């Protein structure tokens, strides 16, 4: 649990052989990252705005976590 409280920069400096951060990503960290993003900026590669993505945030975050763990494949973009 301690690693979840430390920043990515700290972890990458402390654990030089760290090759992936996906095992450090969880639903709460993704929700916090979404909350911190500014509103009204450019759309993402999938054409969605922050507001559109946030309309179904819980389900979108669960899907991201599953994709990161390899349990499901990538979602097809429109």
N, C-alpha and C. Protein backbone atom coordinates (compact mmCIF):
# COMPACT_ATOMS: atom_id res chain seq x y z
N UNK A 1 0.82 -1.19 0.00
CA UNK A 1 0.00 0.00 0.00
C UNK A 1 0.87 1.26 0.00
N UNK A 2 2.05 1.17 0.56
CA UNK A 2 2.92 2.35 0.64
C UNK A 2 3.24 2.91 -0.74
N UNK A 3 3.48 2.02 -1.74
CA UNK A 3 3.84 2.50 -3.07
C UNK A 3 2.73 3.32 -3.71
N UNK A 4 1.49 3.11 -3.33
CA UNK A 4 0.38 3.85 -3.90
C UNK A 4 0.39 5.30 -3.44
N UNK A 5 1.01 5.57 -2.30
CA UNK A 5 1.03 6.91 -1.75
C UNK A 5 2.19 7.76 -2.27
N UNK A 6 3.15 7.14 -2.89
CA UNK A 6 4.31 7.85 -3.41
C UNK A 6 4.07 8.24 -4.87
N UNK A 7 4.70 9.33 -5.29
CA UNK A 7 4.56 9.78 -6.66
C UNK A 7 5.33 8.91 -7.64
N UNK A 8 4.95 9.00 -8.89
CA UNK A 8 5.60 8.21 -9.94
C UNK A 8 7.07 8.58 -10.05
N UNK A 9 7.40 9.87 -9.98
CA UNK A 9 8.79 10.27 -10.10
C UNK A 9 9.63 9.65 -8.98
N UNK A 10 9.13 9.70 -7.75
CA UNK A 10 9.85 9.11 -6.62
C UNK A 10 10.08 7.62 -6.86
N UNK A 11 9.04 6.92 -7.30
CA UNK A 11 9.16 5.48 -7.52
C UNK A 11 10.15 5.16 -8.63
N UNK A 12 10.13 5.94 -9.71
CA UNK A 12 11.04 5.65 -10.81
C UNK A 12 12.49 5.92 -10.42
N UNK A 13 12.72 6.87 -9.51
CA UNK A 13 14.08 7.12 -9.03
C UNK A 13 14.52 6.07 -8.03
N UNK A 14 13.62 5.67 -7.15
CA UNK A 14 13.97 4.69 -6.12
C UNK A 14 14.12 3.28 -6.70
N UNK A 15 13.23 2.94 -7.62
CA UNK A 15 13.23 1.60 -8.20
C UNK A 15 13.65 1.70 -9.66
N UNK A 16 14.94 1.80 -9.89
CA UNK A 16 15.48 2.03 -11.23
C UNK A 16 15.07 0.96 -12.23
N UNK A 17 14.83 -0.25 -11.78
CA UNK A 17 14.48 -1.33 -12.70
C UNK A 17 12.97 -1.43 -12.93
N UNK A 18 12.25 -0.48 -12.45
CA UNK A 18 10.81 -0.46 -12.66
C UNK A 18 10.53 -0.30 -14.16
N UNK A 19 9.90 -1.27 -14.77
CA UNK A 19 9.67 -1.23 -16.21
C UNK A 19 8.23 -0.90 -16.56
N UNK A 20 7.33 -1.05 -15.64
CA UNK A 20 5.93 -0.72 -15.90
C UNK A 20 5.30 -0.15 -14.64
N UNK A 21 4.38 0.75 -14.85
CA UNK A 21 3.69 1.36 -13.71
C UNK A 21 2.24 0.89 -13.62
N UNK A 22 1.82 0.05 -14.55
CA UNK A 22 0.41 -0.35 -14.57
C UNK A 22 0.00 -1.06 -13.29
N UNK A 23 0.94 -1.76 -12.65
CA UNK A 23 0.58 -2.43 -11.40
C UNK A 23 0.45 -1.44 -10.25
N UNK A 24 0.79 -0.19 -10.47
CA UNK A 24 0.64 0.86 -9.46
C UNK A 24 -0.63 1.68 -9.69
N UNK A 25 -1.30 1.41 -10.79
CA UNK A 25 -2.50 2.16 -11.17
C UNK A 25 -3.73 1.41 -10.66
N UNK A 26 -4.64 2.15 -10.06
CA UNK A 26 -5.88 1.54 -9.60
C UNK A 26 -7.04 2.50 -9.87
N UNK A 27 -8.22 2.09 -9.55
CA UNK A 27 -9.40 2.91 -9.84
C UNK A 27 -9.33 4.27 -9.16
N UNK A 28 -8.90 4.30 -7.92
CA UNK A 28 -8.85 5.58 -7.20
C UNK A 28 -7.83 6.54 -7.80
N UNK A 29 -6.65 6.02 -8.19
CA UNK A 29 -5.64 6.90 -8.77
C UNK A 29 -6.10 7.44 -10.13
N UNK A 30 -6.82 6.64 -10.89
CA UNK A 30 -7.34 7.10 -12.18
C UNK A 30 -8.45 8.13 -11.99
N UNK A 31 -9.30 7.94 -11.02
CA UNK A 31 -10.35 8.92 -10.75
C UNK A 31 -9.75 10.24 -10.30
N UNK A 32 -8.72 10.17 -9.49
CA UNK A 32 -8.04 11.39 -9.03
C UNK A 32 -7.37 12.11 -10.20
N UNK A 33 -6.75 11.36 -11.10
CA UNK A 33 -6.12 11.96 -12.28
C UNK A 33 -7.18 12.63 -13.16
N UNK A 34 -8.33 12.00 -13.31
CA UNK A 34 -9.42 12.58 -14.10
C UNK A 34 -9.92 13.86 -13.44
N UNK A 35 -10.06 13.84 -12.13
CA UNK A 35 -10.54 15.02 -11.41
C UNK A 35 -9.58 16.20 -11.58
N UNK A 36 -8.29 15.93 -11.60
CA UNK A 36 -7.28 16.99 -11.69
C UNK A 36 -7.15 17.61 -13.08
N UNK A 37 -7.61 16.91 -14.11
CA UNK A 37 -7.51 17.45 -15.45
C UNK A 37 -8.40 18.67 -15.61
N UNK A 38 -7.91 19.62 -16.39
CA UNK A 38 -8.67 20.84 -16.62
C UNK A 38 -9.83 20.56 -17.57
N UNK A 39 -10.91 21.29 -17.38
CA UNK A 39 -12.11 21.17 -18.20
C UNK A 39 -11.99 22.07 -19.41
N UNK A 40 -12.60 21.66 -20.52
CA UNK A 40 -12.65 22.51 -21.70
C UNK A 40 -11.43 22.44 -22.59
N UNK A 41 -10.59 21.47 -22.41
CA UNK A 41 -9.39 21.31 -23.25
C UNK A 41 -9.72 20.43 -24.45
N UNK A 42 -8.71 20.16 -25.26
CA UNK A 42 -8.89 19.37 -26.48
C UNK A 42 -9.39 17.97 -26.16
N UNK A 43 -10.07 17.38 -27.13
CA UNK A 43 -10.57 16.02 -26.97
C UNK A 43 -9.41 15.03 -27.02
N UNK A 44 -9.66 13.83 -26.51
CA UNK A 44 -8.65 12.78 -26.54
C UNK A 44 -8.59 12.12 -27.89
N UNK A 45 -7.70 11.15 -28.03
CA UNK A 45 -7.52 10.44 -29.29
C UNK A 45 -8.80 9.73 -29.72
N UNK A 46 -9.65 9.42 -28.77
CA UNK A 46 -10.92 8.76 -29.08
C UNK A 46 -12.04 9.74 -29.39
N UNK A 47 -11.71 11.04 -29.37
CA UNK A 47 -12.70 12.06 -29.70
C UNK A 47 -13.59 12.47 -28.55
N UNK A 48 -13.33 11.96 -27.36
CA UNK A 48 -14.17 12.27 -26.20
C UNK A 48 -13.60 13.43 -25.39
N UNK A 49 -14.48 14.26 -24.86
CA UNK A 49 -14.07 15.31 -23.95
C UNK A 49 -13.99 14.75 -22.53
N UNK A 50 -13.41 15.52 -21.64
CA UNK A 50 -13.35 15.11 -20.24
C UNK A 50 -14.77 14.92 -19.69
N UNK A 51 -15.66 15.83 -20.07
CA UNK A 51 -17.03 15.77 -19.57
C UNK A 51 -17.75 14.52 -20.07
N UNK A 52 -17.57 14.19 -21.35
CA UNK A 52 -18.21 12.98 -21.89
C UNK A 52 -17.68 11.72 -21.21
N UNK A 53 -16.36 11.66 -21.04
CA UNK A 53 -15.75 10.51 -20.40
C UNK A 53 -16.23 10.40 -18.95
N UNK A 54 -16.34 11.53 -18.28
CA UNK A 54 -16.77 11.55 -16.89
C UNK A 54 -18.22 11.19 -16.69
N UNK A 55 -19.02 11.27 -17.74
CA UNK A 55 -20.44 10.91 -17.64
C UNK A 55 -20.65 9.45 -17.29
N UNK A 56 -19.66 8.63 -17.60
CA UNK A 56 -19.72 7.20 -17.29
C UNK A 56 -18.39 6.80 -16.64
N UNK A 57 -17.91 7.65 -15.75
CA UNK A 57 -16.55 7.51 -15.22
C UNK A 57 -16.28 6.18 -14.55
N UNK A 58 -17.15 5.74 -13.67
CA UNK A 58 -16.91 4.49 -12.95
C UNK A 58 -16.72 3.31 -13.90
N UNK A 59 -17.60 3.21 -14.89
CA UNK A 59 -17.51 2.10 -15.85
C UNK A 59 -16.27 2.24 -16.73
N UNK A 60 -15.96 3.47 -17.16
CA UNK A 60 -14.77 3.70 -17.99
C UNK A 60 -13.50 3.35 -17.23
N UNK A 61 -13.44 3.70 -15.96
CA UNK A 61 -12.26 3.41 -15.14
C UNK A 61 -12.11 1.90 -14.94
N UNK A 62 -13.20 1.23 -14.67
CA UNK A 62 -13.13 -0.23 -14.51
C UNK A 62 -12.60 -0.88 -15.77
N UNK A 63 -13.05 -0.41 -16.92
CA UNK A 63 -12.59 -0.95 -18.20
C UNK A 63 -11.09 -0.69 -18.39
N UNK A 64 -10.63 0.50 -18.04
CA UNK A 64 -9.21 0.81 -18.14
C UNK A 64 -8.36 -0.11 -17.28
N UNK A 65 -8.80 -0.34 -16.06
CA UNK A 65 -8.06 -1.22 -15.15
C UNK A 65 -8.01 -2.63 -15.71
N UNK A 66 -9.11 -3.12 -16.26
CA UNK A 66 -9.13 -4.45 -16.85
C UNK A 66 -8.22 -4.53 -18.07
N UNK A 67 -8.21 -3.48 -18.89
CA UNK A 67 -7.31 -3.47 -20.06
C UNK A 67 -5.86 -3.48 -19.60
N UNK A 68 -5.55 -2.72 -18.58
CA UNK A 68 -4.18 -2.66 -18.07
C UNK A 68 -3.71 -3.98 -17.49
N UNK A 69 -4.63 -4.74 -16.95
CA UNK A 69 -4.27 -6.03 -16.37
C UNK A 69 -4.26 -7.14 -17.41
N UNK A 70 -4.67 -6.82 -18.63
CA UNK A 70 -4.69 -7.81 -19.70
C UNK A 70 -5.91 -8.71 -19.69
N UNK A 71 -6.90 -8.40 -18.85
CA UNK A 71 -8.08 -9.24 -18.75
C UNK A 71 -9.04 -9.02 -19.92
N UNK A 72 -8.99 -7.84 -20.55
CA UNK A 72 -9.79 -7.60 -21.75
C UNK A 72 -8.93 -6.87 -22.75
N UNK A 73 -9.27 -6.97 -24.02
CA UNK A 73 -8.53 -6.28 -25.08
C UNK A 73 -8.90 -4.81 -25.13
N UNK A 74 -8.22 -4.09 -26.01
CA UNK A 74 -8.51 -2.67 -26.16
C UNK A 74 -9.86 -2.46 -26.79
N UNK A 75 -10.50 -1.36 -26.39
CA UNK A 75 -11.80 -1.00 -26.92
C UNK A 75 -11.60 -0.39 -28.31
N UNK A 76 -12.48 -0.69 -29.21
CA UNK A 76 -12.42 -0.11 -30.55
C UNK A 76 -12.89 1.33 -30.48
N UNK A 77 -12.15 2.23 -31.13
CA UNK A 77 -12.53 3.63 -31.17
C UNK A 77 -13.56 3.86 -32.27
N UNK A 78 -14.45 4.84 -32.09
CA UNK A 78 -15.45 5.13 -33.12
C UNK A 78 -14.82 5.67 -34.38
